[in-house]
Amino acid sequence: MATFNLYLDTRKTRKDGTFTVKVRATHRRTTRYYPLQYKFTEKEYLKIMKGNRLTESQEKAKSKMDALLEKAKEIAQDLDVFSFEAFAVRFTGKGNSNDLLKALQERITENQTNGKVGTASIDKDTLSSLKLYLKEKGKPLQLQMTDITPKWLEGLEAWYNSRGISSTTIYIQITRIRAAINQAIQMKIFDARKYPFGKVKEGKYSAPTPKNTKRALTQDQLIAFLNYEPKTDQEQFAKDFWIFSFLSSGINLGDVFSLKWSDFKGKESFTFTRRKTKTRSKKSIEITIYLKPEHWEIIGRHGGRKLGGNDHVFNIIEPGLSPEREHQLLKMAVNKVNTYLKNISEKLGFEFGISSYSARHSYATRLMKTAPIAYISKQLGHSNIATTEEYLGSFEKAEAQEYEANLLPKAQ
């Protein structure tokens, strides 16, 4: 919650020996100052603040300053989501918070401050793409949200496609544009009636749906992968962490590499909360993984020396790193796993490249045959079963043929 007070800025003396009165705003340990038209000496300002024996002009100045302070508080309360940019536009009547590029930059700064480095990275990529798009179109590096129409978004999508950008990246970056506009609507600095997103049949723009590349290994593929003998340490690293994820409810590798010994309950189990849901949902689901001998074999090959509960199990990151550096190291490790998983899948002749994410999808699909969907949903950390159903792959060909064989009644 933002707080406000009047402040005489004595850091810079004016030529006449007075100082400028400002409204000081503080939000999440960040402070900004908004100058008012009033200038006083320190002695006069203290007298006005005490309110004793004021002249008519001093009374008038105090009344107006108090009114401006109340105005600042009311604006902050009226904003669904507080930001200094939105506040400044409404308080000073200056600036242009409808500039999408500035809005994205502010979101980047805010997410970095809150430790959401991954989200900040996506916003940064989106901002870079928009700047490049404007540059190639010969436009100045500013983009009013009111100029973002369905037709404009279609042009942006066509530009992405011309550069060979994947449908997934297009979807993600356009989603970030939409998020910035949604925030502007919440802050009441953008007219919701001009919102460009929605159903195509209603004249709105709908982002392209990314192709579903989630792949679960069939039983034969899983057996082939488990029996594969790694040729290098890198392949061993990739195979081991795919298996660790697969045996651990398809845990994201970022969560695997972030595990600490304090998450373990002896040799029986460990618990974790998905990093993804820690920042997205009010109620995070704690997931328990019961350890198997294969877990300990992998920890034995790649785990660090146990020094204390706060130490990480694997030597990828360590306590005390900045959020940016931690994100960078985790990303490098995940990329390493995926690079060598792809090599292994090519050697095994798979029609698609295995990725770290396929461990999660394979876990859900295989467990579907023996466990109720409610249990699978809980282990995946989903808040509802509908999300879980998206992970469940189709039945394998042999099973489908067996079911279909009994479709027609047999001749008597």
Protein backbone atom coordinates (compact mmCIF):
# COMPACT_ATOMS: atom_id res chain seq x y z
CA MET A 1 0.00 0.00 0.00
CA ALA A 2 1.38 3.40 -0.99
CA THR A 3 1.83 6.11 1.66
CA PHE A 4 2.00 9.88 1.14
CA ASN A 5 3.13 12.95 3.04
CA LEU A 6 4.20 16.53 2.39
CA TYR A 7 7.95 17.06 2.25
CA LEU A 8 10.14 20.17 2.06
CA ASP A 9 13.02 19.20 -0.20
CA THR A 10 16.02 20.87 1.43
CA ARG A 11 18.48 19.00 -0.77
CA LYS A 12 18.49 21.83 -3.30
CA THR A 13 18.30 25.51 -2.34
CA ARG A 14 16.66 27.95 -4.73
CA LYS A 15 18.31 31.30 -5.52
CA ASP A 16 15.94 33.11 -3.16
CA GLY A 17 16.85 30.78 -0.27
CA THR A 18 13.61 28.79 -0.37
CA PHE A 19 12.93 25.11 -0.96
CA THR A 20 10.26 23.32 -2.98
CA VAL A 21 7.41 21.50 -1.24
CA LYS A 22 6.77 18.04 -2.67
CA VAL A 23 4.41 15.14 -2.16
CA ARG A 24 6.50 12.16 -1.12
CA ALA A 25 5.09 8.79 -2.24
CA THR A 26 6.43 5.49 -0.92
CA HIS A 27 5.46 2.07 -2.27
CA ARG A 28 7.26 -1.21 -1.64
CA ARG A 29 10.32 0.55 -0.23
CA THR A 30 10.60 2.80 -3.29
CA THR A 31 10.13 6.55 -2.86
CA ARG A 32 9.36 9.20 -5.45
CA TYR A 33 8.74 12.93 -5.15
CA TYR A 34 6.19 15.10 -6.93
CA PRO A 35 6.89 18.86 -6.75
CA LEU A 36 4.15 21.35 -5.90
CA GLN A 37 4.09 25.03 -6.78
CA TYR A 38 4.86 26.11 -3.21
CA LYS A 39 8.29 27.31 -2.02
CA PHE A 40 9.22 28.24 1.54
CA THR A 41 12.16 28.67 3.85
CA GLU A 42 12.53 25.95 6.48
CA LYS A 43 11.31 28.30 9.21
CA GLU A 44 8.22 29.36 7.28
CA TYR A 45 7.37 25.77 6.31
CA LEU A 46 7.55 24.58 9.92
CA LYS A 47 5.30 27.44 10.98
CA ILE A 48 2.73 26.58 8.29
CA MET A 49 2.76 22.89 9.24
CA LYS A 50 2.11 23.79 12.89
CA GLY A 51 -0.74 26.06 11.78
CA ASN A 52 -0.13 28.76 14.41
CA ARG A 53 -0.84 32.43 13.67
CA LEU A 54 -0.74 32.08 9.90
CA THR A 55 -1.19 34.93 7.49
CA GLU A 56 -4.03 34.76 5.00
CA SER A 57 -1.68 33.65 2.20
CA GLN A 58 -0.11 31.00 4.45
CA GLU A 59 -3.55 29.69 5.44
CA LYS A 60 -4.47 29.49 1.77
CA ALA A 61 -1.23 27.68 0.88
CA LYS A 62 -1.67 25.18 3.73
CA SER A 63 -5.24 24.48 2.70
CA LYS A 64 -4.24 23.82 -0.91
CA MET A 65 -1.27 21.63 0.05
CA ASP A 66 -3.47 19.56 2.36
CA ALA A 67 -6.00 19.21 -0.46
CA LEU A 68 -3.28 18.01 -2.86
CA LEU A 69 -2.10 15.47 -0.31
CA GLU A 70 -5.66 14.14 0.01
CA LYS A 71 -5.92 14.05 -3.77
CA ALA A 72 -2.79 11.87 -3.91
CA LYS A 73 -4.26 9.44 -1.38
CA GLU A 74 -7.58 9.26 -3.21
CA ILE A 75 -5.88 8.55 -6.55
CA ALA A 76 -3.87 5.73 -4.96
CA GLN A 77 -7.01 4.21 -3.45
CA ASP A 78 -8.82 4.47 -6.77
CA LEU A 79 -6.11 2.54 -8.63
CA ASP A 80 -6.83 -1.19 -8.70
CA VAL A 81 -3.09 -1.79 -9.09
CA PHE A 82 -0.75 0.95 -7.88
CA SER A 83 2.18 2.04 -10.00
CA PHE A 84 4.13 5.29 -9.85
CA GLU A 85 3.58 5.84 -13.57
CA ALA A 86 -0.21 5.58 -13.34
CA PHE A 87 -0.24 7.72 -10.21
CA ALA A 88 1.93 10.43 -11.81
CA VAL A 89 -0.31 10.70 -14.87
CA ARG A 90 -3.41 11.26 -12.78
CA PHE A 91 -1.78 13.42 -10.11
CA THR A 92 0.24 15.75 -12.35
CA GLY A 93 -1.80 15.51 -15.54
CA LYS A 94 1.47 15.05 -17.40
CA GLY A 95 3.28 12.12 -18.96
CA ASN A 96 1.90 9.35 -21.10
CA SER A 97 1.36 6.03 -19.39
CA ASN A 98 -0.54 4.83 -22.46
CA ASP A 99 2.82 4.18 -24.11
CA LEU A 100 3.06 0.39 -24.28
CA LEU A 101 6.86 0.42 -24.40
CA LYS A 102 7.03 2.41 -21.16
CA ALA A 103 4.41 0.17 -19.58
CA LEU A 104 6.43 -2.95 -20.45
CA GLN A 105 9.60 -1.38 -19.09
CA GLU A 106 7.85 -0.63 -15.82
CA ARG A 107 6.56 -4.21 -15.64
CA ILE A 108 10.12 -5.46 -16.20
CA THR A 109 11.41 -3.32 -13.33
CA GLU A 110 8.54 -4.36 -11.06
CA ASN A 111 8.97 -8.08 -11.79
CA GLN A 112 12.73 -7.89 -11.25
CA THR A 113 12.15 -6.13 -7.92
CA ASN A 114 9.71 -8.86 -6.87
CA GLY A 115 12.07 -11.66 -7.89
CA LYS A 116 9.97 -12.74 -10.90
CA VAL A 117 13.01 -12.93 -13.14
CA GLY A 118 11.46 -15.35 -15.65
CA THR A 119 8.45 -13.11 -16.25
CA ALA A 120 10.71 -10.06 -16.48
CA SER A 121 12.79 -11.89 -19.10
CA ILE A 122 9.71 -12.60 -21.23
CA ASP A 123 8.60 -8.96 -20.99
CA LYS A 124 12.12 -7.88 -21.97
CA ASP A 125 12.03 -10.13 -25.07
CA THR A 126 8.60 -8.73 -25.96
CA LEU A 127 9.86 -5.16 -25.60
CA SER A 128 12.87 -5.94 -27.83
CA SER A 129 10.59 -7.45 -30.49
CA LEU A 130 8.31 -4.41 -30.49
CA LYS A 131 11.24 -2.01 -30.79
CA LEU A 132 12.63 -4.00 -33.72
CA TYR A 133 9.20 -4.08 -35.37
CA LEU A 134 8.79 -0.31 -35.04
CA LYS A 135 12.33 0.28 -36.30
CA GLU A 136 11.80 -1.87 -39.40
CA LYS A 137 8.55 -0.03 -40.08
CA GLY A 138 10.36 3.31 -39.81
CA LYS A 139 8.29 4.34 -36.79
CA PRO A 140 9.47 6.24 -33.68
CA LEU A 141 10.11 4.15 -30.57
CA GLN A 142 6.82 4.90 -28.90
CA LEU A 143 3.57 3.00 -29.11
CA GLN A 144 0.28 4.33 -27.81
CA MET A 145 -2.04 1.65 -26.49
CA THR A 146 -4.89 3.37 -28.30
CA ASP A 147 -3.08 2.59 -31.58
CA ILE A 148 -3.11 -1.14 -30.85
CA THR A 149 -6.14 -2.25 -32.84
CA PRO A 150 -7.08 -5.73 -34.11
CA LYS A 151 -5.68 -4.74 -37.52
CA TRP A 152 -2.40 -3.56 -35.95
CA LEU A 153 -2.06 -6.85 -34.05
CA GLU A 154 -2.68 -8.81 -37.25
CA GLY A 155 0.18 -6.86 -38.84
CA LEU A 156 2.44 -7.65 -35.90
CA GLU A 157 1.56 -11.35 -36.15
CA ALA A 158 2.36 -11.32 -39.89
CA TRP A 159 5.74 -9.73 -39.11
CA TYR A 160 6.50 -12.43 -36.53
CA ASN A 161 5.64 -15.11 -39.10
CA SER A 162 7.82 -13.48 -41.77
CA ARG A 163 10.77 -13.82 -39.42
CA GLY A 164 10.09 -17.51 -38.76
CA ILE A 165 9.10 -16.98 -35.13
CA SER A 166 7.37 -20.02 -33.61
CA SER A 167 3.65 -19.89 -32.85
CA THR A 168 4.46 -20.48 -29.18
CA THR A 169 6.72 -17.41 -29.00
CA ILE A 170 4.16 -15.30 -30.87
CA TYR A 171 1.45 -16.38 -28.45
CA ILE A 172 3.59 -15.69 -25.38
CA GLN A 173 4.69 -12.22 -26.49
CA ILE A 174 1.23 -11.12 -27.60
CA THR A 175 -0.04 -12.37 -24.25
CA ARG A 176 2.43 -10.02 -22.55
CA ILE A 177 1.09 -7.12 -24.63
CA ARG A 178 -2.42 -8.07 -23.56
CA ALA A 179 -1.33 -8.25 -19.91
CA ALA A 180 0.10 -4.71 -20.08
CA ILE A 181 -3.15 -3.38 -21.55
CA ASN A 182 -5.19 -5.28 -18.95
CA GLN A 183 -3.12 -3.62 -16.23
CA ALA A 184 -3.70 -0.21 -17.81
CA ILE A 185 -7.45 -0.87 -17.69
CA GLN A 186 -7.21 -1.86 -14.02
CA MET A 187 -5.30 1.35 -13.33
CA LYS A 188 -8.08 3.25 -15.13
CA ILE A 189 -5.73 4.86 -17.62
CA PHE A 190 -7.02 2.97 -20.67
CA ASP A 191 -10.59 2.86 -21.95
CA ALA A 192 -11.82 -0.75 -21.79
CA ARG A 193 -14.16 -0.04 -24.71
CA LYS A 194 -11.09 0.15 -26.97
CA TYR A 195 -9.80 -3.26 -25.86
CA PRO A 196 -8.54 -5.00 -29.04
CA PHE A 197 -8.57 -8.61 -27.82
CA GLY A 198 -11.52 -10.97 -28.01
CA LYS A 199 -13.45 -13.11 -30.45
CA VAL A 200 -12.62 -12.73 -34.14
CA LYS A 201 -16.29 -12.93 -35.11
CA GLU A 202 -16.87 -9.84 -32.97
CA GLY A 203 -14.19 -7.88 -34.81
CA LYS A 204 -11.54 -8.41 -32.16
CA TYR A 205 -8.10 -10.02 -32.32
CA SER A 206 -7.32 -13.50 -31.03
CA ALA A 207 -3.70 -14.60 -30.63
CA PRO A 208 -2.70 -17.72 -32.60
CA THR A 209 -2.97 -20.87 -30.52
CA PRO A 210 0.45 -22.52 -30.24
CA LYS A 211 0.79 -26.01 -31.62
CA ASN A 212 0.48 -28.68 -28.98
CA THR A 213 3.99 -30.12 -28.82
CA LYS A 214 3.51 -31.94 -25.53
CA ARG A 215 4.66 -35.49 -26.13
CA ALA A 216 4.40 -38.50 -23.88
CA LEU A 217 6.70 -41.44 -24.49
CA THR A 218 4.99 -44.67 -25.46
CA GLN A 219 5.82 -47.77 -23.46
CA ASP A 220 8.26 -48.99 -26.13
CA GLN A 221 9.96 -45.59 -26.28
CA LEU A 222 10.21 -45.41 -22.51
CA ILE A 223 11.83 -48.86 -22.35
CA ALA A 224 14.27 -47.91 -25.12
CA PHE A 225 15.17 -44.68 -23.34
CA LEU A 226 15.67 -46.34 -19.96
CA ASN A 227 17.89 -49.02 -21.55
CA TYR A 228 19.99 -46.50 -23.46
CA GLU A 229 23.65 -46.44 -22.39
CA PRO A 230 24.91 -42.82 -22.32
CA LYS A 231 28.04 -42.25 -24.40
CA THR A 232 29.18 -39.08 -22.60
CA ASP A 233 28.87 -37.43 -19.20
CA GLN A 234 26.52 -34.88 -20.78
CA GLU A 235 24.18 -37.62 -21.99
CA GLN A 236 24.27 -39.22 -18.53
CA PHE A 237 23.40 -35.84 -17.00
CA ALA A 238 20.45 -35.39 -19.37
CA LYS A 239 19.12 -38.93 -18.99
CA ASP A 240 19.43 -38.89 -15.19
CA PHE A 241 17.51 -35.67 -14.71
CA TRP A 242 14.77 -36.73 -17.14
CA ILE A 243 14.33 -39.89 -15.05
CA PHE A 244 14.46 -37.91 -11.79
CA SER A 245 11.67 -35.66 -13.08
CA PHE A 246 9.65 -38.62 -14.41
CA LEU A 247 9.83 -40.40 -11.04
CA SER A 248 8.92 -37.18 -9.22
CA SER A 249 5.50 -36.35 -10.66
CA GLY A 250 7.09 -34.67 -13.67
CA ILE A 251 8.68 -31.98 -11.51
CA ASN A 252 10.00 -29.03 -13.52
CA LEU A 253 13.79 -29.12 -13.80
CA GLY A 254 13.99 -25.63 -12.32
CA ASP A 255 12.34 -27.09 -9.22
CA VAL A 256 14.65 -30.12 -9.28
CA PHE A 257 17.77 -27.96 -9.34
CA SER A 258 16.31 -25.76 -6.57
CA LEU A 259 15.74 -28.64 -4.13
CA LYS A 260 17.38 -28.23 -0.73
CA TRP A 261 18.19 -30.87 1.86
CA SER A 262 15.65 -29.20 4.13
CA ASP A 263 12.96 -30.37 1.66
CA PHE A 264 13.85 -34.01 2.43
CA LYS A 265 12.28 -36.06 5.19
CA GLY A 266 15.07 -38.51 5.76
CA LYS A 267 15.41 -41.08 3.00
CA GLU A 268 11.68 -41.54 2.60
CA SER A 269 10.45 -38.48 0.71
CA PHE A 270 10.81 -34.84 -0.19
CA THR A 271 8.22 -32.10 -0.57
CA PHE A 272 8.16 -29.08 -2.85
CA THR A 273 5.91 -26.35 -4.18
CA ARG A 274 6.08 -25.55 -7.87
CA ARG A 275 7.96 -22.29 -8.48
CA LYS A 276 5.40 -21.51 -11.18
CA THR A 277 2.47 -21.52 -8.75
CA LYS A 278 4.25 -19.65 -5.95
CA THR A 279 3.75 -16.37 -7.82
CA ARG A 280 0.50 -17.12 -9.64
CA SER A 281 -1.85 -18.52 -7.05
CA LYS A 282 -2.80 -17.53 -3.54
CA LYS A 283 -2.88 -21.16 -2.45
CA SER A 284 0.15 -23.16 -3.51
CA ILE A 285 -0.08 -26.94 -3.41
CA GLU A 286 2.66 -28.80 -1.56
CA ILE A 287 3.59 -32.00 -3.38
CA THR A 288 5.16 -35.02 -1.70
CA ILE A 289 7.45 -37.37 -3.64
CA TYR A 290 8.26 -40.78 -2.20
CA LEU A 291 11.85 -41.65 -3.00
CA LYS A 292 12.93 -44.69 -4.96
CA PRO A 293 16.40 -46.26 -5.25
CA GLU A 294 16.79 -44.55 -8.65
CA HIS A 295 16.42 -41.15 -6.96
CA TRP A 296 19.34 -41.85 -4.67
CA GLU A 297 21.48 -43.22 -7.51
CA ILE A 298 21.01 -39.94 -9.40
CA ILE A 299 21.67 -37.86 -6.28
CA GLY A 300 24.81 -39.92 -5.74
CA ARG A 301 26.07 -39.11 -9.24
CA HIS A 302 25.16 -35.43 -9.36
CA GLY A 303 24.40 -34.30 -5.81
CA GLY A 304 26.54 -31.94 -3.80
CA ARG A 305 28.06 -32.69 -0.43
CA LYS A 306 25.41 -32.25 2.26
CA LEU A 307 26.50 -29.41 4.52
CA GLY A 308 23.23 -28.18 5.97
CA GLY A 309 19.49 -27.95 5.46
CA ASN A 310 19.79 -24.78 3.40
CA ASP A 311 22.25 -26.32 0.94
CA HIS A 312 21.01 -27.35 -2.49
CA VAL A 313 20.94 -31.04 -3.33
CA PHE A 314 22.49 -30.49 -6.77
CA ASN A 315 25.45 -28.27 -7.65
CA ILE A 316 23.62 -25.96 -10.05
CA ILE A 317 22.82 -22.95 -7.86
CA GLU A 318 23.79 -21.89 -4.37
CA PRO A 319 22.33 -19.63 -1.66
CA GLY A 320 23.04 -15.92 -1.93
CA LEU A 321 22.85 -15.59 -5.71
CA SER A 322 20.93 -12.69 -7.21
CA PRO A 323 17.58 -13.68 -8.77
CA GLU A 324 19.00 -12.80 -12.20
CA ARG A 325 22.08 -15.01 -11.78
CA GLU A 326 20.03 -17.87 -10.36
CA HIS A 327 17.63 -17.67 -13.31
CA GLN A 328 20.57 -17.66 -15.73
CA LEU A 329 22.20 -20.76 -14.20
CA LEU A 330 18.92 -22.68 -14.07
CA LYS A 331 18.21 -21.84 -17.70
CA MET A 332 21.68 -22.99 -18.76
CA ALA A 333 21.25 -26.31 -16.94
CA VAL A 334 17.81 -26.94 -18.46
CA ASN A 335 19.11 -26.10 -21.94
CA LYS A 336 21.98 -28.54 -21.43
CA VAL A 337 19.54 -31.32 -20.51
CA ASN A 338 17.31 -30.61 -23.51
CA THR A 339 20.23 -30.46 -25.94
CA TYR A 340 21.47 -33.92 -25.02
CA LEU A 341 17.98 -35.39 -24.69
CA LYS A 342 17.48 -34.42 -28.32
CA ASN A 343 20.73 -36.19 -29.25
CA ILE A 344 19.60 -39.34 -27.44
CA SER A 345 16.17 -39.34 -29.10
CA GLU A 346 17.81 -39.02 -32.54
CA LYS A 347 20.09 -41.98 -31.81
CA LEU A 348 17.08 -44.02 -30.70
CA GLY A 349 15.22 -43.09 -33.89
CA PHE A 350 12.30 -41.39 -32.16
CA GLU A 351 10.03 -39.38 -34.45
CA PHE A 352 10.21 -36.41 -32.09
CA GLY A 353 12.86 -34.99 -29.82
CA ILE A 354 12.53 -35.78 -26.13
CA SER A 355 12.53 -32.73 -23.87
CA SER A 356 12.58 -32.24 -20.13
CA TYR A 357 8.90 -31.35 -20.33
CA SER A 358 8.03 -34.73 -21.86
CA ALA A 359 8.89 -36.32 -18.50
CA ARG A 360 5.95 -34.49 -16.93
CA HIS A 361 3.60 -35.40 -19.76
CA SER A 362 4.77 -39.02 -19.78
CA TYR A 363 4.28 -39.29 -16.01
CA ALA A 364 0.69 -38.07 -16.23
CA THR A 365 -0.18 -40.22 -19.24
CA ARG A 366 1.25 -43.44 -17.84
CA LEU A 367 -0.22 -42.93 -14.39
CA MET A 368 -3.63 -42.46 -16.01
CA LYS A 369 -3.79 -46.22 -16.56
CA THR A 370 -3.58 -47.08 -12.87
CA ALA A 371 -4.42 -44.02 -10.77
CA PRO A 372 -7.55 -41.85 -10.44
CA ILE A 373 -7.35 -38.47 -12.15
CA ALA A 374 -7.80 -36.69 -8.80
CA TYR A 375 -4.50 -38.15 -7.57
CA ILE A 376 -2.70 -37.27 -10.81
CA SER A 377 -4.06 -33.73 -10.59
CA LYS A 378 -2.78 -33.35 -7.03
CA GLN A 379 0.68 -34.69 -7.90
CA LEU A 380 0.95 -32.33 -10.86
CA GLY A 381 0.08 -29.41 -8.59
CA HIS A 382 -3.02 -28.45 -10.56
CA SER A 383 -5.80 -26.46 -8.95
CA ASN A 384 -8.47 -28.17 -11.05
CA ILE A 385 -8.89 -31.46 -12.89
CA ALA A 386 -9.65 -29.76 -16.23
CA THR A 387 -6.01 -28.65 -16.43
CA THR A 388 -4.85 -32.19 -15.75
CA GLU A 389 -6.90 -33.57 -18.62
CA GLU A 390 -4.78 -31.54 -21.05
CA TYR A 391 -1.74 -33.52 -19.96
CA LEU A 392 -3.25 -36.93 -20.50
CA GLY A 393 -2.12 -38.33 -23.82
CA SER A 394 -4.17 -40.48 -26.13
CA PHE A 395 -4.19 -44.24 -25.75
CA GLU A 396 -1.42 -46.03 -27.57
CA LYS A 397 -2.23 -47.59 -30.93
CA ALA A 398 -2.31 -51.19 -29.71
CA GLU A 399 -4.73 -50.35 -26.90
CA ALA A 400 -6.96 -48.35 -29.24
CA GLN A 401 -7.12 -51.24 -31.72
CA GLU A 402 -8.04 -53.62 -28.91
CA TYR A 403 -10.95 -51.43 -27.84
CA GLU A 404 -12.14 -50.89 -31.42
CA ALA A 405 -12.00 -54.62 -32.19
CA ASN A 406 -15.03 -55.18 -29.99
CA LEU A 407 -17.09 -52.41 -31.55
CA LEU A 408 -19.16 -54.72 -33.80
CA PRO A 409 -21.01 -57.73 -32.38
CA LYS A 410 -19.47 -61.07 -33.26
CA ALA A 411 -21.37 -63.35 -35.65
CA GLN A 412 -23.43 -66.03 -33.94
